[in-house]
Every structure is written in structure tokens, then in C-alpha cells.
Amino acid sequence: MMLQGDAKRAYQRVYMRRKRAGKPTVNPKPWKPTKRMVDQVRYWLRTGAPQSLTGRKIIEGLDATDEHEALRRYKAHLDEHERERYAPPPPKCCSFCGEPASDERAPWLAAYPLICETCTARAAAIFAEQRKRR
């Protein structure tokens, strides 16, 4: 059923206020664990000592009646794993001095190991010194 008249206008006002404020425009649906998650947590709680490190971390300090808390921990673990998966890569650093790449310290090579332009002269001096010793 579509809203009409004053109800539609009132809804649109609230919607636009929330959108301008950067808030979610709809109420999020409550999280519901999948059947596989529930079965996995129940198995971990029933056995008491799961083989996986993840399972041990999730049920640590819980008893068999704390299924809801174990599911919450499992969801937090999966969310953290997802954040790590899509996190931006760390900045490239010079393998010689350890400084991150910048306009002044442009990486000399695109592959690993990297060396910045300022360290190239120092590396050349070290190589020249080693050649003299031979």
C-alpha cells in the first residue's frame, strides 16, 4: 500500500532529515544467526573443547546455557575477519630505512624489497665499499 497525502509528506520529511544528517534512512533489521552458525555454536558448547582455535576463543569462559553470548562472539569474530579482509593495504615502506613512501621518499622499485631515492645513494656507497674490499 502506498502512502498518500499528508502521511506521504510527513514520511518524506523524516526521510530527508535523516538523509541530510547522515543517519540511516530505514531501521536496520535485527541480526539473526544462520542455522549453520547456531549448529556450530551448539556443537562447540556441547563438546566443551573444540579442535579449532576459533571455537576455543568463542566459548572461552561460557557454559552450555550461554548460547546467545557465544553467537554474539561468533558474529563479532566474523565481522572482524571481514574488516581485516577488506582493509586497505599498509603503506609501502623503504626496506633500507623503514620510512613510509612519500613525495620526498618515492620508492625506487615497485617490487619487494623497496628502496627510496634518498637511500639509493647510501646503498650504492655500501656496494662500492664492498667491491673495494675484494
Protein backbone atom coordinates (compact mmCIF):
# COMPACT_ATOMS: atom_id res chain seq x y z
CA MET A 1 0.00 0.00 0.00
CA MET A 2 1.38 3.39 -0.98
CA LEU A 3 1.24 6.39 1.33
CA GLN A 4 -0.76 9.34 0.08
CA GLY A 5 -1.37 12.95 1.06
CA ASP A 6 -0.20 14.20 4.46
CA ALA A 7 1.15 10.80 5.51
CA LYS A 8 3.39 10.69 2.44
CA ARG A 9 4.66 14.24 3.03
CA ALA A 10 5.39 13.54 6.69
CA TYR A 11 7.29 10.37 5.78
CA GLN A 12 9.31 12.21 3.13
CA ARG A 13 10.22 14.98 5.60
CA VAL A 14 11.52 12.49 8.14
CA TYR A 15 13.36 10.60 5.40
CA MET A 16 15.10 13.72 4.08
CA ARG A 17 16.01 14.97 7.59
CA ARG A 18 17.67 11.64 8.35
CA LYS A 19 19.42 11.56 4.98
CA ARG A 20 20.83 15.10 5.38
CA ALA A 21 22.02 14.28 8.89
CA GLY A 22 23.87 11.21 7.57
CA LYS A 23 21.73 8.81 9.58
CA PRO A 24 20.30 5.59 8.18
CA THR A 25 17.03 6.22 6.38
CA VAL A 26 15.48 2.90 7.43
CA ASN A 27 15.68 0.99 10.66
CA PRO A 28 18.14 -1.88 10.30
CA LYS A 29 16.75 -5.37 10.58
CA PRO A 30 17.82 -7.21 13.70
CA TRP A 31 20.62 -9.70 13.12
CA LYS A 32 19.55 -13.32 13.01
CA PRO A 33 22.21 -16.06 13.05
CA THR A 34 22.17 -18.65 10.32
CA LYS A 35 21.29 -22.26 11.08
CA ARG A 36 24.87 -23.25 10.38
CA MET A 37 26.16 -20.76 12.99
CA VAL A 38 23.67 -21.98 15.59
CA ASP A 39 24.58 -25.62 14.93
CA GLN A 40 28.31 -24.85 15.09
CA VAL A 41 28.00 -22.98 18.41
CA ARG A 42 25.82 -25.70 19.90
CA TYR A 43 28.41 -28.29 18.87
CA TRP A 44 31.22 -26.24 20.44
CA LEU A 45 29.26 -25.78 23.67
CA ARG A 46 28.29 -29.47 23.79
CA THR A 47 31.82 -30.78 23.25
CA GLY A 48 33.41 -28.18 25.53
CA ALA A 49 36.84 -28.38 23.88
CA PRO A 50 36.61 -27.71 20.15
CA GLN A 51 39.56 -28.54 17.92
CA SER A 52 39.61 -25.14 16.22
CA LEU A 53 41.23 -22.10 17.82
CA THR A 54 38.25 -20.02 16.76
CA GLY A 55 35.85 -22.29 18.63
CA ARG A 56 38.00 -22.25 21.75
CA LYS A 57 38.21 -18.45 21.66
CA ILE A 58 34.44 -18.09 21.24
CA ILE A 59 33.33 -20.42 24.05
CA GLU A 60 36.09 -19.45 26.48
CA GLY A 61 34.54 -18.87 29.92
CA LEU A 62 31.00 -19.85 28.83
CA ASP A 63 28.85 -22.75 29.94
CA ALA A 64 26.32 -24.73 27.88
CA THR A 65 23.49 -22.26 28.63
CA ASP A 66 25.28 -19.21 27.17
CA GLU A 67 24.37 -19.92 23.54
CA HIS A 68 23.28 -16.32 22.85
CA GLU A 69 26.58 -14.89 24.11
CA ALA A 70 28.53 -17.44 22.07
CA LEU A 71 26.58 -16.47 18.94
CA ARG A 72 27.29 -12.79 19.62
CA ARG A 73 31.03 -13.55 19.98
CA TYR A 74 30.96 -15.63 16.79
CA LYS A 75 29.33 -12.74 14.88
CA ALA A 76 31.93 -10.29 16.27
CA HIS A 77 34.70 -12.68 15.17
CA LEU A 78 33.27 -12.93 11.64
CA ASP A 79 32.83 -9.13 11.44
CA GLU A 80 36.45 -8.58 12.49
CA HIS A 81 37.62 -11.09 9.91
CA GLU A 82 35.60 -9.26 7.24
CA ARG A 83 37.09 -5.89 8.24
CA GLU A 84 40.62 -7.31 8.02
CA ARG A 85 39.86 -8.82 4.63
CA TYR A 86 38.78 -5.52 3.11
CA ALA A 87 41.18 -3.24 5.00
CA PRO A 88 43.39 -1.04 2.83
CA PRO A 89 46.92 -2.39 2.38
CA PRO A 90 49.62 -0.90 4.59
CA PRO A 91 51.69 1.89 3.03
CA LYS A 92 54.82 0.83 1.18
CA CYS A 93 57.96 1.42 3.21
CA CYS A 94 61.61 1.59 2.31
CA SER A 95 63.36 -1.67 3.20
CA PHE A 96 66.53 0.26 3.94
CA CYS A 97 65.39 3.00 6.34
CA GLY A 98 61.84 1.84 7.15
CA GLU A 99 60.24 5.19 6.32
CA PRO A 100 56.88 5.17 4.50
CA ALA A 101 56.81 6.30 0.88
CA SER A 102 56.08 9.99 0.29
CA ASP A 103 56.83 12.67 -2.32
CA GLU A 104 60.36 13.06 -0.92
CA ARG A 105 60.85 9.34 -0.41
CA ALA A 106 59.50 7.88 -3.64
CA PRO A 107 60.08 4.11 -3.85
CA TRP A 108 62.76 3.26 -6.39
CA LEU A 109 61.44 -0.22 -7.25
CA ALA A 110 57.82 -1.31 -7.49
CA ALA A 111 58.62 -4.85 -6.36
CA TYR A 112 59.76 -6.03 -2.96
CA PRO A 113 62.19 -5.05 -1.42
CA LEU A 114 61.66 -1.33 -1.88
CA ILE A 115 64.31 1.33 -1.53
CA CYS A 116 63.62 5.07 -1.53
CA GLU A 117 65.57 7.57 -3.60
CA THR A 118 67.34 9.03 -0.57
CA CYS A 119 68.65 5.61 0.48
CA THR A 120 69.82 4.68 -3.02
CA ALA A 121 72.99 6.76 -2.63
CA ARG A 122 73.77 5.15 0.73
CA ALA A 123 73.22 1.67 -0.74
CA ALA A 124 75.47 2.49 -3.71
CA ALA A 125 78.20 3.64 -1.30
CA ILE A 126 77.94 0.40 0.67
CA PHE A 127 78.17 -1.69 -2.52
CA ALA A 128 81.17 0.33 -3.72
CA GLU A 129 82.89 -0.19 -0.36
CA GLN A 130 82.31 -3.95 -0.53
CA ARG A 131 83.76 -4.08 -4.07
CA LYS A 132 86.92 -2.27 -2.88
CA ARG A 133 87.42 -4.90 -0.15
CA ARG A 134 87.51 -7.72 -2.73
